[in-house]
Amino acid sequence: MTVRKFEEIDRDDVENIFSKYWNDPIFLKELSNELEKHPSNFFIAEDNNEIVGVAGHRDIPAYLKEFAKTSKPVELYVIASKYKRKGIGKILKSKIVEIARENGFSEILLFSPGTHDNSWEFHDTLNFQRMGEVTPPDDDEGYVWSCIL
């Protein structure tokens, strides 16, 4: 499996993966807009020329700032894979950690709502620690994780 930067030619495959996890058209449009505005923030996992996962980071939103313990945090904005329990998410999460370090970030924060509680055990991996509960302005209550780099 290889991980590389997102390219526009990947958009349909990536959006299909997004639709496996999210059905809210407003959030799907937000994801599509982020791909368009900040394509270099997204990474693709490929296996035998098949796009099997995507992960992306962005500046942390205001509601996460209270959880930051360092001066230069970044948000692990999205992580999704076509197949579960194949190690794709772990590889992508490791790539985001690597990229964040290379870009001088000091911490990664991520949010996962209660509607995605089946992913919470995964978020407890790779030195990510649960920081607490939060209800974002545009989402359901969930948990925040942090990884100090």
N, C-alpha and C. Protein backbone atom coordinates (compact mmCIF):
# COMPACT_ATOMS: atom_id res chain seq x y z
N MET A 1 0.85 -1.17 0.00
CA MET A 1 0.00 0.00 0.00
C MET A 1 0.89 1.23 0.00
N THR A 2 0.50 2.22 -0.78
CA THR A 2 1.23 3.47 -0.83
C THR A 2 0.31 4.62 -0.40
N VAL A 3 0.92 5.67 0.10
CA VAL A 3 0.19 6.89 0.46
C VAL A 3 0.81 8.02 -0.32
N ARG A 4 -0.05 8.82 -0.94
CA ARG A 4 0.41 9.95 -1.74
C ARG A 4 -0.55 11.11 -1.56
N LYS A 5 -0.15 12.26 -2.08
CA LYS A 5 -1.02 13.43 -2.04
C LYS A 5 -2.24 13.24 -2.93
N PHE A 6 -3.34 13.83 -2.51
CA PHE A 6 -4.57 13.83 -3.29
C PHE A 6 -4.33 14.57 -4.60
N GLU A 7 -4.92 14.05 -5.67
CA GLU A 7 -4.93 14.71 -6.98
C GLU A 7 -6.39 14.82 -7.43
N GLU A 8 -6.69 15.82 -8.22
CA GLU A 8 -8.07 16.06 -8.65
C GLU A 8 -8.68 14.82 -9.32
N ILE A 9 -7.89 14.04 -10.01
CA ILE A 9 -8.39 12.83 -10.67
C ILE A 9 -8.94 11.81 -9.66
N ASP A 10 -8.58 11.95 -8.38
CA ASP A 10 -9.03 11.05 -7.32
C ASP A 10 -10.40 11.42 -6.76
N ARG A 11 -10.92 12.58 -7.12
CA ARG A 11 -12.11 13.13 -6.47
C ARG A 11 -13.29 12.17 -6.40
N ASP A 12 -13.68 11.53 -7.50
CA ASP A 12 -14.85 10.65 -7.48
C ASP A 12 -14.67 9.49 -6.50
N ASP A 13 -13.49 8.87 -6.53
CA ASP A 13 -13.22 7.76 -5.62
C ASP A 13 -13.25 8.23 -4.16
N VAL A 14 -12.66 9.37 -3.90
CA VAL A 14 -12.62 9.91 -2.54
C VAL A 14 -14.03 10.25 -2.07
N GLU A 15 -14.80 10.90 -2.91
CA GLU A 15 -16.16 11.26 -2.51
C GLU A 15 -17.03 10.02 -2.30
N ASN A 16 -16.77 8.95 -3.04
CA ASN A 16 -17.48 7.68 -2.80
C ASN A 16 -17.13 7.11 -1.43
N ILE A 17 -15.86 7.22 -1.05
CA ILE A 17 -15.46 6.76 0.29
C ILE A 17 -16.12 7.62 1.35
N PHE A 18 -16.13 8.93 1.17
CA PHE A 18 -16.80 9.82 2.12
C PHE A 18 -18.26 9.40 2.31
N SER A 19 -18.94 9.07 1.21
CA SER A 19 -20.37 8.75 1.30
C SER A 19 -20.63 7.42 2.02
N LYS A 20 -19.60 6.62 2.24
CA LYS A 20 -19.76 5.40 3.05
C LYS A 20 -19.91 5.74 4.53
N TYR A 21 -19.39 6.89 4.94
CA TYR A 21 -19.36 7.26 6.35
C TYR A 21 -20.32 8.40 6.71
N TRP A 22 -20.60 9.25 5.76
CA TRP A 22 -21.44 10.42 6.04
C TRP A 22 -22.55 10.51 5.01
N ASN A 23 -23.77 10.79 5.47
CA ASN A 23 -24.88 10.95 4.53
C ASN A 23 -25.50 12.35 4.59
N ASP A 24 -24.95 13.20 5.43
CA ASP A 24 -25.43 14.58 5.52
C ASP A 24 -24.92 15.36 4.31
N PRO A 25 -25.82 15.81 3.42
CA PRO A 25 -25.37 16.50 2.21
C PRO A 25 -24.59 17.79 2.50
N ILE A 26 -24.89 18.45 3.60
CA ILE A 26 -24.17 19.68 3.94
C ILE A 26 -22.72 19.35 4.29
N PHE A 27 -22.51 18.29 5.09
CA PHE A 27 -21.14 17.91 5.45
C PHE A 27 -20.39 17.36 4.24
N LEU A 28 -21.06 16.58 3.40
CA LEU A 28 -20.41 16.07 2.20
C LEU A 28 -19.97 17.22 1.29
N LYS A 29 -20.78 18.26 1.20
CA LYS A 29 -20.41 19.44 0.41
C LYS A 29 -19.21 20.15 1.05
N GLU A 30 -19.19 20.22 2.39
CA GLU A 30 -18.05 20.82 3.09
C GLU A 30 -16.77 20.05 2.78
N LEU A 31 -16.84 18.72 2.81
CA LEU A 31 -15.68 17.90 2.49
C LEU A 31 -15.21 18.16 1.06
N SER A 32 -16.16 18.22 0.13
CA SER A 32 -15.83 18.48 -1.27
C SER A 32 -15.17 19.85 -1.43
N ASN A 33 -15.69 20.83 -0.72
CA ASN A 33 -15.11 22.18 -0.77
C ASN A 33 -13.69 22.20 -0.21
N GLU A 34 -13.45 21.46 0.88
CA GLU A 34 -12.10 21.39 1.45
C GLU A 34 -11.13 20.75 0.47
N LEU A 35 -11.58 19.70 -0.23
CA LEU A 35 -10.73 19.07 -1.26
C LEU A 35 -10.36 20.08 -2.34
N GLU A 36 -11.33 20.91 -2.71
CA GLU A 36 -11.09 21.89 -3.77
C GLU A 36 -10.18 23.02 -3.30
N LYS A 37 -10.43 23.54 -2.09
CA LYS A 37 -9.68 24.69 -1.59
C LYS A 37 -8.27 24.33 -1.11
N HIS A 38 -8.14 23.13 -0.50
CA HIS A 38 -6.88 22.75 0.13
C HIS A 38 -6.47 21.33 -0.25
N PRO A 39 -6.31 21.06 -1.54
CA PRO A 39 -6.01 19.68 -1.94
C PRO A 39 -4.71 19.14 -1.34
N SER A 40 -3.76 20.00 -1.06
CA SER A 40 -2.48 19.53 -0.51
C SER A 40 -2.59 19.06 0.93
N ASN A 41 -3.73 19.28 1.58
CA ASN A 41 -3.95 18.82 2.95
C ASN A 41 -4.49 17.39 3.01
N PHE A 42 -4.72 16.78 1.85
CA PHE A 42 -5.33 15.45 1.80
C PHE A 42 -4.37 14.43 1.21
N PHE A 43 -4.47 13.22 1.75
CA PHE A 43 -3.61 12.12 1.33
C PHE A 43 -4.46 10.89 1.02
N ILE A 44 -4.02 10.14 0.03
CA ILE A 44 -4.73 8.99 -0.49
C ILE A 44 -3.94 7.73 -0.19
N ALA A 45 -4.64 6.69 0.24
CA ALA A 45 -4.02 5.36 0.34
C ALA A 45 -4.45 4.58 -0.89
N GLU A 46 -3.46 3.98 -1.55
CA GLU A 46 -3.70 3.19 -2.76
C GLU A 46 -3.16 1.78 -2.56
N ASP A 47 -3.93 0.82 -3.03
CA ASP A 47 -3.50 -0.57 -2.99
C ASP A 47 -3.82 -1.19 -4.34
N ASN A 48 -2.79 -1.62 -5.04
CA ASN A 48 -2.97 -2.19 -6.40
C ASN A 48 -3.77 -1.25 -7.30
N ASN A 49 -3.38 0.03 -7.31
CA ASN A 49 -4.02 1.07 -8.13
C ASN A 49 -5.47 1.35 -7.78
N GLU A 50 -5.92 0.91 -6.61
CA GLU A 50 -7.27 1.20 -6.13
C GLU A 50 -7.16 2.16 -4.96
N ILE A 51 -7.92 3.24 -5.00
CA ILE A 51 -7.96 4.18 -3.88
C ILE A 51 -8.79 3.53 -2.78
N VAL A 52 -8.13 3.31 -1.62
CA VAL A 52 -8.78 2.59 -0.53
C VAL A 52 -8.96 3.44 0.73
N GLY A 53 -8.45 4.67 0.71
CA GLY A 53 -8.61 5.52 1.88
C GLY A 53 -8.18 6.94 1.64
N VAL A 54 -8.61 7.81 2.54
CA VAL A 54 -8.29 9.23 2.45
C VAL A 54 -8.19 9.80 3.87
N ALA A 55 -7.27 10.72 4.04
CA ALA A 55 -7.15 11.45 5.31
C ALA A 55 -6.75 12.88 4.99
N GLY A 56 -7.18 13.79 5.85
CA GLY A 56 -6.83 15.19 5.64
C GLY A 56 -6.74 15.95 6.94
N HIS A 57 -5.98 17.03 6.92
CA HIS A 57 -5.84 17.90 8.08
C HIS A 57 -6.23 19.31 7.69
N ARG A 58 -6.46 20.14 8.70
CA ARG A 58 -6.79 21.56 8.47
C ARG A 58 -6.51 22.34 9.75
N ASP A 59 -6.58 23.66 9.65
CA ASP A 59 -6.47 24.50 10.83
C ASP A 59 -7.57 24.11 11.80
N ILE A 60 -7.26 24.16 13.10
CA ILE A 60 -8.28 23.73 14.05
C ILE A 60 -9.40 24.75 14.15
N PRO A 61 -10.64 24.26 14.23
CA PRO A 61 -11.77 25.17 14.40
C PRO A 61 -11.82 25.72 15.83
N ALA A 62 -12.55 26.78 16.01
CA ALA A 62 -12.61 27.47 17.30
C ALA A 62 -13.02 26.55 18.45
N TYR A 63 -13.97 25.65 18.22
CA TYR A 63 -14.47 24.81 19.31
C TYR A 63 -13.42 23.81 19.82
N LEU A 64 -12.36 23.57 19.06
CA LEU A 64 -11.29 22.67 19.51
C LEU A 64 -10.16 23.38 20.23
N LYS A 65 -10.08 24.69 20.08
CA LYS A 65 -8.95 25.44 20.64
C LYS A 65 -8.82 25.27 22.15
N GLU A 66 -9.93 25.12 22.86
CA GLU A 66 -9.86 24.97 24.32
C GLU A 66 -9.17 23.68 24.73
N PHE A 67 -9.08 22.71 23.83
CA PHE A 67 -8.45 21.43 24.14
C PHE A 67 -6.96 21.41 23.82
N ALA A 68 -6.49 22.39 23.08
CA ALA A 68 -5.08 22.43 22.67
C ALA A 68 -4.19 22.66 23.87
N LYS A 69 -3.13 21.87 23.96
CA LYS A 69 -2.16 21.98 25.04
C LYS A 69 -0.86 22.63 24.58
N THR A 70 -0.74 22.85 23.27
CA THR A 70 0.48 23.42 22.71
C THR A 70 0.12 24.63 21.86
N SER A 71 1.14 25.32 21.38
CA SER A 71 0.92 26.58 20.66
C SER A 71 0.65 26.43 19.16
N LYS A 72 0.91 25.25 18.59
CA LYS A 72 0.73 25.11 17.15
C LYS A 72 0.02 23.79 16.80
N PRO A 73 -1.28 23.72 17.13
CA PRO A 73 -2.04 22.50 16.84
C PRO A 73 -2.62 22.52 15.43
N VAL A 74 -2.98 21.33 14.97
CA VAL A 74 -3.65 21.14 13.69
C VAL A 74 -4.75 20.11 13.91
N GLU A 75 -5.78 20.12 13.09
CA GLU A 75 -6.86 19.14 13.23
C GLU A 75 -6.70 18.02 12.22
N LEU A 76 -6.79 16.78 12.70
CA LEU A 76 -6.96 15.65 11.80
C LEU A 76 -8.44 15.71 11.44
N TYR A 77 -8.71 16.29 10.29
CA TYR A 77 -10.06 16.67 9.89
C TYR A 77 -10.90 15.47 9.47
N VAL A 78 -10.32 14.58 8.69
CA VAL A 78 -11.09 13.44 8.19
C VAL A 78 -10.16 12.26 7.95
N ILE A 79 -10.69 11.08 8.23
CA ILE A 79 -9.99 9.85 7.90
C ILE A 79 -11.06 8.80 7.59
N ALA A 80 -10.95 8.19 6.43
CA ALA A 80 -11.96 7.21 6.01
C ALA A 80 -11.32 6.20 5.08
N SER A 81 -11.77 4.97 5.20
CA SER A 81 -11.23 3.92 4.34
C SER A 81 -12.37 3.13 3.69
N LYS A 82 -12.06 2.59 2.55
CA LYS A 82 -13.04 1.81 1.78
C LYS A 82 -13.34 0.48 2.46
N TYR A 83 -12.32 -0.07 3.12
CA TYR A 83 -12.44 -1.37 3.79
C TYR A 83 -12.04 -1.23 5.25
N LYS A 84 -12.79 -1.84 6.14
CA LYS A 84 -12.49 -1.78 7.56
C LYS A 84 -11.56 -2.92 7.97
N ARG A 85 -10.77 -2.64 9.02
CA ARG A 85 -9.90 -3.64 9.65
C ARG A 85 -8.87 -4.23 8.70
N LYS A 86 -8.35 -3.38 7.80
CA LYS A 86 -7.29 -3.79 6.87
C LYS A 86 -6.00 -3.00 7.10
N GLY A 87 -6.00 -2.13 8.13
CA GLY A 87 -4.81 -1.33 8.43
C GLY A 87 -4.72 -0.03 7.65
N ILE A 88 -5.70 0.27 6.84
CA ILE A 88 -5.68 1.47 6.00
C ILE A 88 -5.71 2.73 6.87
N GLY A 89 -6.63 2.76 7.83
CA GLY A 89 -6.75 3.92 8.71
C GLY A 89 -5.49 4.18 9.50
N LYS A 90 -4.86 3.12 9.98
CA LYS A 90 -3.63 3.25 10.77
C LYS A 90 -2.52 3.85 9.92
N ILE A 91 -2.40 3.39 8.68
CA ILE A 91 -1.37 3.92 7.78
C ILE A 91 -1.63 5.39 7.49
N LEU A 92 -2.88 5.76 7.24
CA LEU A 92 -3.22 7.15 6.96
C LEU A 92 -3.02 8.04 8.19
N LYS A 93 -3.41 7.54 9.35
CA LYS A 93 -3.24 8.31 10.58
C LYS A 93 -1.75 8.56 10.83
N SER A 94 -0.93 7.55 10.61
CA SER A 94 0.52 7.71 10.76
C SER A 94 1.07 8.74 9.78
N LYS A 95 0.54 8.76 8.57
CA LYS A 95 0.98 9.74 7.56
C LYS A 95 0.64 11.16 8.00
N ILE A 96 -0.56 11.36 8.54
CA ILE A 96 -0.95 12.70 9.00
C ILE A 96 -0.03 13.14 10.14
N VAL A 97 0.31 12.23 11.05
CA VAL A 97 1.24 12.54 12.14
C VAL A 97 2.59 12.96 11.56
N GLU A 98 3.08 12.19 10.61
CA GLU A 98 4.37 12.49 9.97
C GLU A 98 4.35 13.86 9.29
N ILE A 99 3.31 14.14 8.53
CA ILE A 99 3.18 15.42 7.81
C ILE A 99 3.07 16.57 8.80
N ALA A 100 2.30 16.38 9.86
CA ALA A 100 2.14 17.44 10.86
C ALA A 100 3.50 17.78 11.49
N ARG A 101 4.27 16.76 11.82
CA ARG A 101 5.61 17.00 12.38
C ARG A 101 6.49 17.76 11.38
N GLU A 102 6.49 17.29 10.12
CA GLU A 102 7.31 17.93 9.09
C GLU A 102 6.94 19.39 8.89
N ASN A 103 5.67 19.73 9.11
CA ASN A 103 5.20 21.10 8.90
C ASN A 103 5.24 21.95 10.16
N GLY A 104 5.89 21.43 11.19
CA GLY A 104 6.12 22.23 12.39
C GLY A 104 4.96 22.31 13.36
N PHE A 105 3.95 21.47 13.20
CA PHE A 105 2.85 21.46 14.16
C PHE A 105 3.30 20.75 15.43
N SER A 106 2.72 21.13 16.55
CA SER A 106 3.13 20.58 17.83
C SER A 106 2.12 19.59 18.41
N GLU A 107 0.94 19.53 17.80
CA GLU A 107 -0.13 18.70 18.35
C GLU A 107 -1.19 18.46 17.26
N ILE A 108 -1.82 17.30 17.33
CA ILE A 108 -2.95 17.01 16.45
C ILE A 108 -4.18 16.79 17.32
N LEU A 109 -5.26 17.47 16.97
CA LEU A 109 -6.55 17.27 17.63
C LEU A 109 -7.50 16.66 16.62
N LEU A 110 -8.42 15.83 17.12
CA LEU A 110 -9.47 15.32 16.24
C LEU A 110 -10.76 15.20 17.02
N PHE A 111 -11.87 15.33 16.32
CA PHE A 111 -13.20 15.22 16.90
C PHE A 111 -13.94 14.09 16.21
N SER A 112 -14.68 13.32 17.00
CA SER A 112 -15.55 12.29 16.45
C SER A 112 -16.88 12.34 17.18
N PRO A 113 -17.99 12.52 16.45
CA PRO A 113 -19.30 12.63 17.10
C PRO A 113 -19.81 11.27 17.58
N GLY A 114 -20.82 11.33 18.43
CA GLY A 114 -21.43 10.11 18.95
C GLY A 114 -21.99 9.21 17.85
N THR A 115 -22.34 9.79 16.73
CA THR A 115 -22.85 8.98 15.62
C THR A 115 -21.77 8.10 15.00
N HIS A 116 -20.51 8.35 15.34
CA HIS A 116 -19.39 7.55 14.84
C HIS A 116 -18.64 6.86 15.99
N ASP A 117 -19.39 6.50 17.04
CA ASP A 117 -18.74 5.91 18.21
C ASP A 117 -18.06 4.57 17.91
N ASN A 118 -18.41 3.94 16.79
CA ASN A 118 -17.73 2.70 16.41
C ASN A 118 -16.26 2.95 16.01
N SER A 119 -15.88 4.21 15.80
CA SER A 119 -14.49 4.54 15.45
C SER A 119 -13.68 4.96 16.67
N TRP A 120 -14.30 5.10 17.82
CA TRP A 120 -13.61 5.66 18.98
C TRP A 120 -12.45 4.79 19.45
N GLU A 121 -12.61 3.49 19.40
CA GLU A 121 -11.50 2.61 19.80
C GLU A 121 -10.29 2.83 18.89
N PHE A 122 -10.55 3.02 17.60
CA PHE A 122 -9.47 3.31 16.66
C PHE A 122 -8.77 4.62 17.01
N HIS A 123 -9.55 5.63 17.39
CA HIS A 123 -8.96 6.93 17.71
C HIS A 123 -8.09 6.88 18.97
N ASP A 124 -8.28 5.85 19.80
CA ASP A 124 -7.47 5.70 21.01
C ASP A 124 -6.07 5.16 20.70
N THR A 125 -5.75 4.94 19.43
CA THR A 125 -4.46 4.35 19.05
C THR A 125 -3.45 5.41 18.63
N LEU A 126 -2.20 4.98 18.49
CA LEU A 126 -1.10 5.80 17.98
C LEU A 126 -0.88 7.07 18.81
N ASN A 127 -0.88 6.91 20.13
CA ASN A 127 -0.59 8.00 21.07
C ASN A 127 -1.65 9.09 21.10
N PHE A 128 -2.84 8.84 20.61
CA PHE A 128 -3.94 9.78 20.73
C PHE A 128 -4.67 9.50 22.05
N GLN A 129 -4.90 10.56 22.82
CA GLN A 129 -5.56 10.46 24.12
C GLN A 129 -6.88 11.21 24.09
N ARG A 130 -7.92 10.62 24.67
CA ARG A 130 -9.20 11.32 24.78
C ARG A 130 -9.05 12.48 25.75
N MET A 131 -9.51 13.64 25.29
CA MET A 131 -9.37 14.85 26.08
C MET A 131 -10.67 15.25 26.77
N GLY A 132 -11.80 14.89 26.18
CA GLY A 132 -13.07 15.27 26.77
C GLY A 132 -14.18 15.34 25.74
N GLU A 133 -15.35 15.64 26.24
CA GLU A 133 -16.53 15.75 25.39
C GLU A 133 -16.73 17.19 24.95
N VAL A 134 -17.34 17.33 23.77
CA VAL A 134 -17.65 18.65 23.25
C VAL A 134 -18.83 18.52 22.29
N THR A 135 -19.60 19.59 22.16
CA THR A 135 -20.66 19.65 21.17
C THR A 135 -20.33 20.81 20.23
N PRO A 136 -19.84 20.50 19.03
CA PRO A 136 -19.52 21.55 18.07
C PRO A 136 -20.79 22.30 17.65
N PRO A 137 -20.62 23.50 17.12
CA PRO A 137 -21.79 24.28 16.71
C PRO A 137 -22.64 23.60 15.64
N ASP A 138 -22.03 22.77 14.82
CA ASP A 138 -22.76 22.17 13.70
C ASP A 138 -22.75 20.65 13.70
N ASP A 139 -22.64 20.04 14.89
CA ASP A 139 -22.56 18.57 14.94
C ASP A 139 -23.12 18.08 16.27
N ASP A 140 -23.20 16.75 16.40
CA ASP A 140 -23.65 16.13 17.63
C ASP A 140 -22.51 16.08 18.64
N GLU A 141 -22.87 15.88 19.89
CA GLU A 141 -21.87 15.73 20.94
C GLU A 141 -20.94 14.56 20.61
N GLY A 142 -19.69 14.71 20.97
CA GLY A 142 -18.72 13.66 20.75
C GLY A 142 -17.48 13.90 21.58
N TYR A 143 -16.41 13.21 21.23
CA TYR A 143 -15.15 13.30 21.96
C TYR A 143 -14.07 13.96 21.12
N VAL A 144 -13.10 14.51 21.85
CA VAL A 144 -11.91 15.11 21.25
C VAL A 144 -10.71 14.28 21.68
N TRP A 145 -9.80 14.02 20.74
CA TRP A 145 -8.54 13.33 21.01
C TRP A 145 -7.40 14.28 20.72
N SER A 146 -6.27 14.05 21.38
CA SER A 146 -5.07 14.84 21.16
C SER A 146 -3.86 13.93 21.08
N CYS A 147 -2.91 14.33 20.24
CA CYS A 147 -1.63 13.66 20.15
C CYS A 147 -0.56 14.75 20.13
N ILE A 148 0.23 14.80 21.19
CA ILE A 148 1.33 15.76 21.26
C ILE A 148 2.47 15.22 20.38
N LEU A 149 3.00 16.07 19.51
CA LEU A 149 4.04 15.62 18.59
C LEU A 149 5.44 15.90 19.11
